[in-house]
Amino acid sequence: MAASSQRKKKTRSGTSGNPAKKPIVEAGPITARDWIGAARLRTLPLAIAPVVIGTGAARSTGPEFHWVIALACLAVAVLLQIGVNFTNDYSDGIRGTDAVRVGPARLTASGRVKPRTVLIIGLVFFALAAAVGVAIVIRTEQWWMLAVGAACIVAAWFYTGGKRPYGYFGLGEVFVFVFFGLVATLGTTWVQVFELPQQAWLGAVAAGLFACAVLLANNLRDIDQDRVVGKRTLTVLIGRRPTQMLFTLFVLAPFGILIFLALLYPIAWIGLLALLAGLPAILIVWTYRQPKELVIALALTSLTALLYAGALFWAFAG
């Protein structure tokens, strides 16, 4: 009887059962800081960088600056990124994936916000991004871009949403490279000048690699928790050491592209200063002791992408 009573006590206290199915209940009311945290502002440089590179590539083709369209592209990218962050919060939260996460507690997993509310907010950001995107299409009369925009929203949702989210099957980096690199950069250039010069393609590849590196750092931080809940990210599939090697490649490869571009646009050499953020990120990924240290690596990699993009814009537009 005593043993039975002890087992019941453990079950009630939450020390037994499936930890992935138990929500993290945070005390206290929801605050503005919580909402801002859910938007994951440290990921926004990944949305900004391809637009900066794409706009610089557009400027390289002529002196005219389509600043209204450029700002509209920036709005689409940022709104989509925030929408992705909120819908990921919702999808991972209702699956129990965030119940054992290392980073800050999410809105849905914390139990302080109704899942439906988080979902609605994410969908509102998607709708705002779509509205601005439609305005760009009307202004440029590139009607086929409507299909591209729809594909971006679908890809954003199914990253962690739906019955078989591709982010749970090791395909996150592929889609991140395509949409945060190629589509975002080349789309920005195209709607401004209706052509895709070589520098736009090279810059798009660089932006995509940085975005993949950030995702790898994020998934390396959560590797143990993702294994518990059955989230099969690329990092879970290949393990820590290959992930560290791949992260290093993704951070350094854009600088190989930069060196080539610097032969044509000498100002681009200043982009090597972005290594001041990129190299510490690599060092942290290889030497971290606690998973939470990788949050710093994630932020440094995002900063590297933004500094790199600024250097390319200056080189292309100068």
Protein backbone atom coordinates (compact mmCIF):
# COMPACT_ATOMS: atom_id res chain seq x y z
CA MET A 1 0.00 0.00 0.00
CA ALA A 2 2.84 2.38 0.83
CA ALA A 3 4.52 1.69 -2.51
CA SER A 4 1.23 2.22 -4.32
CA SER A 5 0.68 5.48 -2.48
CA GLN A 6 4.19 6.63 -3.42
CA ARG A 7 3.59 5.84 -7.10
CA LYS A 8 0.35 7.82 -7.07
CA LYS A 9 2.11 10.74 -5.42
CA LYS A 10 4.81 10.71 -8.11
CA THR A 11 2.23 10.62 -10.86
CA ARG A 12 0.39 13.58 -9.39
CA SER A 13 3.59 15.58 -8.94
CA GLY A 14 4.54 15.09 -12.60
CA THR A 15 7.63 12.94 -12.16
CA SER A 16 6.22 10.09 -14.20
CA GLY A 17 4.32 9.76 -17.45
CA ASN A 18 5.17 11.22 -20.86
CA PRO A 19 6.94 14.57 -20.36
CA ALA A 20 6.29 15.55 -23.97
CA LYS A 21 2.55 15.63 -23.35
CA LYS A 22 2.64 17.80 -20.22
CA PRO A 23 2.34 21.56 -20.82
CA ILE A 24 4.74 23.93 -19.16
CA VAL A 25 2.52 26.03 -16.90
CA GLU A 26 4.07 29.39 -16.14
CA ALA A 27 2.75 31.46 -13.24
CA GLY A 28 1.64 35.03 -13.64
CA PRO A 29 -0.25 36.96 -16.31
CA ILE A 30 0.93 37.32 -19.87
CA THR A 31 2.97 40.47 -20.51
CA ALA A 32 4.04 42.55 -23.47
CA ARG A 33 7.50 41.06 -23.07
CA ASP A 34 6.03 37.59 -23.56
CA TRP A 35 4.35 38.63 -26.81
CA ILE A 36 7.54 40.25 -28.06
CA GLY A 37 9.46 37.12 -27.11
CA ALA A 38 7.01 34.99 -29.08
CA ALA A 39 7.75 37.10 -32.16
CA ARG A 40 11.40 35.94 -31.78
CA LEU A 41 12.97 39.22 -32.86
CA ARG A 42 16.44 37.66 -33.01
CA THR A 43 15.30 35.81 -36.15
CA LEU A 44 14.24 38.98 -38.00
CA PRO A 45 17.72 39.69 -39.45
CA LEU A 46 17.20 36.53 -41.52
CA ALA A 47 14.14 38.17 -43.07
CA ILE A 48 15.87 41.51 -43.57
CA ALA A 49 19.17 40.25 -45.03
CA PRO A 50 17.84 38.79 -48.32
CA VAL A 51 15.80 41.93 -49.01
CA VAL A 52 18.88 44.11 -48.45
CA ILE A 53 20.97 41.91 -50.76
CA GLY A 54 18.22 41.72 -53.39
CA THR A 55 17.74 45.48 -53.35
CA GLY A 56 21.48 46.03 -53.68
CA ALA A 57 21.57 43.65 -56.66
CA ALA A 58 18.71 45.60 -58.23
CA ARG A 59 20.59 48.86 -57.69
CA SER A 60 23.65 47.39 -59.41
CA THR A 61 21.74 47.25 -62.68
CA GLY A 62 21.03 51.00 -62.76
CA PRO A 63 20.92 54.20 -60.71
CA GLU A 64 17.16 54.18 -60.06
CA PHE A 65 16.12 53.16 -56.54
CA HIS A 66 12.64 51.66 -56.20
CA TRP A 67 12.45 52.42 -52.50
CA VAL A 68 8.68 51.94 -52.13
CA ILE A 69 8.83 48.43 -53.60
CA ALA A 70 11.96 47.67 -51.57
CA LEU A 71 10.20 48.68 -48.34
CA ALA A 72 7.17 46.63 -49.34
CA CYS A 73 9.39 43.59 -49.88
CA LEU A 74 10.90 44.19 -46.46
CA ALA A 75 7.43 44.35 -44.91
CA VAL A 76 6.43 41.06 -46.57
CA ALA A 77 9.58 39.32 -45.35
CA VAL A 78 9.29 40.56 -41.75
CA LEU A 79 5.55 39.89 -41.50
CA LEU A 80 6.00 36.37 -42.86
CA GLN A 81 8.83 35.71 -40.39
CA ILE A 82 6.74 36.83 -37.43
CA GLY A 83 3.79 34.82 -38.74
CA VAL A 84 6.00 31.72 -38.97
CA ASN A 85 7.20 32.27 -35.41
CA PHE A 86 3.66 32.48 -33.99
CA THR A 87 2.33 29.52 -35.97
CA ASN A 88 5.37 27.48 -34.93
CA ASP A 89 4.58 28.41 -31.33
CA TYR A 90 1.04 27.14 -31.87
CA SER A 91 1.91 23.95 -33.76
CA ASP A 92 4.79 22.88 -31.52
CA GLY A 93 2.76 23.79 -28.45
CA ILE A 94 -0.28 21.67 -29.24
CA ARG A 95 1.99 18.73 -30.15
CA GLY A 96 3.84 18.96 -26.85
CA THR A 97 7.16 19.57 -28.59
CA ASP A 98 7.86 22.73 -26.58
CA ALA A 99 7.01 21.12 -23.24
CA VAL A 100 10.63 20.09 -22.68
CA ARG A 101 12.45 22.80 -24.62
CA VAL A 102 15.62 24.53 -23.41
CA GLY A 103 14.89 28.09 -24.53
CA PRO A 104 12.30 30.55 -23.22
CA ALA A 105 8.83 29.07 -22.71
CA ARG A 106 6.47 29.62 -25.62
CA LEU A 107 2.99 31.10 -25.35
CA THR A 108 1.09 27.93 -26.19
CA ALA A 109 3.27 25.55 -24.18
CA SER A 110 3.17 27.83 -21.13
CA GLY A 111 -0.61 27.46 -20.92
CA ARG A 112 -1.07 31.20 -20.35
CA VAL A 113 -2.49 31.89 -23.82
CA LYS A 114 -5.14 29.85 -25.61
CA PRO A 115 -3.68 27.98 -28.59
CA ARG A 116 -6.40 29.39 -30.85
CA THR A 117 -5.34 32.94 -29.93
CA VAL A 118 -1.72 32.25 -30.88
CA LEU A 119 -2.85 30.67 -34.15
CA ILE A 120 -5.07 33.64 -35.02
CA ILE A 121 -2.21 36.07 -34.42
CA GLY A 122 0.05 34.04 -36.69
CA LEU A 123 -2.61 33.95 -39.41
CA VAL A 124 -3.13 37.71 -39.08
CA PHE A 125 0.56 38.28 -39.82
CA PHE A 126 0.29 35.94 -42.81
CA ALA A 127 -2.72 37.93 -44.03
CA LEU A 128 -0.86 41.23 -43.65
CA ALA A 129 2.10 39.80 -45.58
CA ALA A 130 -0.28 38.60 -48.29
CA ALA A 131 -1.93 42.02 -48.53
CA VAL A 132 1.39 43.80 -49.02
CA GLY A 133 2.46 41.11 -51.47
CA VAL A 134 -0.69 41.61 -53.54
CA ALA A 135 0.03 45.36 -53.58
CA ILE A 136 3.50 44.63 -54.98
CA VAL A 137 2.00 42.38 -57.66
CA ILE A 138 -0.56 45.02 -58.66
CA ARG A 139 2.14 47.70 -58.80
CA THR A 140 4.53 45.58 -60.90
CA GLU A 141 1.88 43.62 -62.84
CA GLN A 142 3.86 40.43 -62.24
CA TRP A 143 0.74 38.33 -61.69
CA TRP A 144 2.59 35.03 -61.57
CA MET A 145 4.19 36.23 -58.34
CA LEU A 146 0.86 35.54 -56.64
CA ALA A 147 1.68 31.84 -56.90
CA VAL A 148 5.11 32.48 -55.38
CA GLY A 149 3.56 34.34 -52.48
CA ALA A 150 1.03 31.58 -51.90
CA ALA A 151 3.86 29.02 -51.91
CA CYS A 152 5.71 31.06 -49.27
CA ILE A 153 2.69 31.05 -46.94
CA VAL A 154 2.03 27.34 -47.49
CA ALA A 155 5.69 26.53 -46.79
CA ALA A 156 5.61 28.72 -43.68
CA TRP A 157 2.58 26.88 -42.30
CA PHE A 158 3.70 23.34 -43.05
CA TYR A 159 7.12 23.84 -41.46
CA THR A 160 5.60 22.68 -38.18
CA GLY A 161 1.88 22.72 -39.02
CA GLY A 162 -0.37 20.09 -40.55
CA LYS A 163 -0.33 16.34 -40.05
CA ARG A 164 3.12 15.76 -41.56
CA PRO A 165 5.20 18.95 -41.04
CA TYR A 166 8.38 18.84 -43.09
CA GLY A 167 10.35 20.41 -40.22
CA TYR A 168 9.83 17.14 -38.32
CA PHE A 169 11.36 15.05 -41.10
CA GLY A 170 14.77 16.64 -41.66
CA LEU A 171 13.68 18.96 -44.48
CA GLY A 172 13.72 22.27 -42.65
CA GLU A 173 17.08 23.38 -44.03
CA VAL A 174 16.03 22.65 -47.62
CA PHE A 175 12.95 24.84 -47.42
CA VAL A 176 14.75 27.54 -45.43
CA PHE A 177 17.44 27.74 -48.11
CA VAL A 178 14.86 27.97 -50.89
CA PHE A 179 12.50 30.49 -49.31
CA PHE A 180 14.77 32.56 -47.02
CA GLY A 181 17.57 32.53 -49.57
CA LEU A 182 16.59 32.13 -53.19
CA VAL A 183 12.94 33.25 -53.20
CA ALA A 184 13.36 36.21 -50.83
CA THR A 185 16.48 37.60 -52.51
CA LEU A 186 15.65 36.93 -56.14
CA GLY A 187 12.03 37.97 -55.66
CA THR A 188 13.16 41.30 -54.22
CA THR A 189 15.46 41.92 -57.17
CA TRP A 190 12.93 40.84 -59.79
CA VAL A 191 10.03 43.06 -58.70
CA GLN A 192 12.35 46.08 -58.82
CA VAL A 193 14.16 45.62 -62.15
CA PHE A 194 12.57 42.55 -63.83
CA GLU A 195 15.88 40.79 -64.25
CA LEU A 196 18.14 38.55 -62.18
CA PRO A 197 21.82 39.46 -62.49
CA GLN A 198 24.57 37.11 -61.36
CA GLN A 199 25.14 39.02 -58.15
CA ALA A 200 21.52 38.45 -57.11
CA TRP A 201 21.94 34.68 -57.48
CA LEU A 202 25.20 34.61 -55.54
CA GLY A 203 23.77 36.81 -52.81
CA ALA A 204 20.68 34.59 -52.62
CA VAL A 205 22.83 31.52 -52.04
CA ALA A 206 24.73 33.32 -49.27
CA ALA A 207 21.51 34.45 -47.56
CA GLY A 208 20.13 30.93 -47.72
CA LEU A 209 23.26 29.43 -46.18
CA PHE A 210 23.14 31.85 -43.25
CA ALA A 211 19.47 31.02 -42.67
CA CYS A 212 20.31 27.30 -42.65
CA ALA A 213 23.13 27.92 -40.18
CA VAL A 214 20.73 29.65 -37.77
CA LEU A 215 18.29 26.76 -38.02
CA LEU A 216 21.11 24.29 -37.32
CA ALA A 217 22.14 26.24 -34.21
CA ASN A 218 18.54 26.27 -33.03
CA ASN A 219 18.09 22.55 -33.61
CA LEU A 220 21.45 21.70 -32.02
CA ARG A 221 20.26 23.48 -28.88
CA ASP A 222 17.07 21.38 -28.85
CA ILE A 223 18.55 18.07 -30.05
CA ASP A 224 17.92 16.12 -26.83
CA GLN A 225 14.38 17.44 -26.41
CA ASP A 226 13.55 16.84 -30.08
CA ARG A 227 14.66 13.23 -29.74
CA VAL A 228 12.33 12.78 -26.77
CA VAL A 229 9.28 14.11 -28.60
CA GLY A 230 10.07 12.46 -31.95
CA LYS A 231 10.90 15.62 -33.87
CA ARG A 232 13.36 14.31 -36.47
CA THR A 233 15.23 17.44 -37.49
CA LEU A 234 18.34 17.17 -39.65
CA THR A 235 20.39 17.61 -36.49
CA VAL A 236 18.63 14.68 -34.82
CA LEU A 237 19.18 12.55 -37.92
CA ILE A 238 22.90 13.24 -38.38
CA GLY A 239 24.00 13.95 -34.80
CA ARG A 240 25.98 16.66 -33.03
CA ARG A 241 29.40 16.44 -34.70
CA PRO A 242 28.14 16.46 -38.32
CA THR A 243 25.82 19.34 -37.36
CA GLN A 244 28.76 21.34 -36.01
CA MET A 245 30.69 20.69 -39.22
CA LEU A 246 27.72 21.64 -41.39
CA PHE A 247 27.12 24.80 -39.35
CA THR A 248 30.74 25.83 -39.86
CA LEU A 249 30.45 25.25 -43.61
CA PHE A 250 27.21 27.24 -43.85
CA VAL A 251 28.71 30.21 -42.00
CA LEU A 252 32.02 30.29 -43.88
CA ALA A 253 30.87 29.43 -47.42
CA PRO A 254 29.18 32.83 -47.94
CA PHE A 255 32.56 34.47 -47.40
CA GLY A 256 33.96 32.44 -50.28
CA ILE A 257 31.18 33.97 -52.38
CA LEU A 258 32.07 37.37 -50.94
CA ILE A 259 35.69 37.04 -52.05
CA PHE A 260 34.57 36.28 -55.60
CA LEU A 261 32.16 39.23 -55.62
CA ALA A 262 34.88 41.51 -54.22
CA LEU A 263 36.84 40.98 -57.43
CA LEU A 264 33.98 42.71 -59.25
CA TYR A 265 32.81 45.03 -56.47
CA PRO A 266 35.88 45.98 -54.36
CA ILE A 267 33.86 47.52 -51.52
CA ALA A 268 32.55 44.02 -50.79
CA TRP A 269 35.83 43.27 -49.00
CA ILE A 270 34.44 45.15 -46.02
CA GLY A 271 31.99 42.28 -45.61
CA LEU A 272 34.82 40.22 -44.11
CA LEU A 273 34.24 42.26 -40.94
CA ALA A 274 31.09 40.19 -40.47
CA LEU A 275 33.43 37.37 -39.45
CA LEU A 276 33.85 39.25 -36.16
CA ALA A 277 30.38 37.90 -35.34
CA GLY A 278 30.52 34.70 -37.39
CA LEU A 279 33.72 33.24 -35.94
CA PRO A 280 32.58 33.54 -32.29
CA ALA A 281 29.34 31.82 -33.31
CA ILE A 282 31.35 28.92 -34.73
CA LEU A 283 33.49 28.77 -31.61
CA ILE A 284 30.41 28.57 -29.38
CA VAL A 285 28.87 25.81 -31.49
CA TRP A 286 32.04 23.73 -31.13
CA THR A 287 32.73 24.40 -27.44
CA TYR A 288 29.34 24.95 -25.76
CA ARG A 289 28.67 23.19 -22.45
CA GLN A 290 25.04 24.11 -21.90
CA PRO A 291 22.43 24.16 -24.69
CA LYS A 292 21.34 27.67 -23.71
CA GLU A 293 24.76 28.96 -24.85
CA LEU A 294 23.68 28.23 -28.41
CA VAL A 295 21.11 31.02 -28.17
CA ILE A 296 24.09 33.40 -28.33
CA ALA A 297 25.47 31.54 -31.36
CA LEU A 298 22.08 31.85 -33.02
CA ALA A 299 21.96 35.60 -32.41
CA LEU A 300 25.55 36.07 -33.62
CA THR A 301 24.84 34.15 -36.81
CA SER A 302 21.79 36.30 -37.51
CA LEU A 303 23.94 39.39 -36.93
CA THR A 304 26.57 37.98 -39.30
CA ALA A 305 23.93 37.61 -42.02
CA LEU A 306 22.77 41.20 -41.54
CA LEU A 307 26.29 42.67 -41.56
CA TYR A 308 27.14 40.62 -44.65
CA ALA A 309 23.98 41.82 -46.40
CA GLY A 310 24.78 45.45 -45.57
CA ALA A 311 28.25 45.09 -47.05
CA LEU A 312 26.87 43.60 -50.27
CA PHE A 313 24.27 46.35 -50.56
CA TRP A 314 27.00 48.98 -50.21
CA ALA A 315 29.17 47.19 -52.77
CA PHE A 316 26.35 46.68 -55.30
CA ALA A 317 24.78 50.11 -54.93
CA GLY A 318 27.97 52.12 -54.48
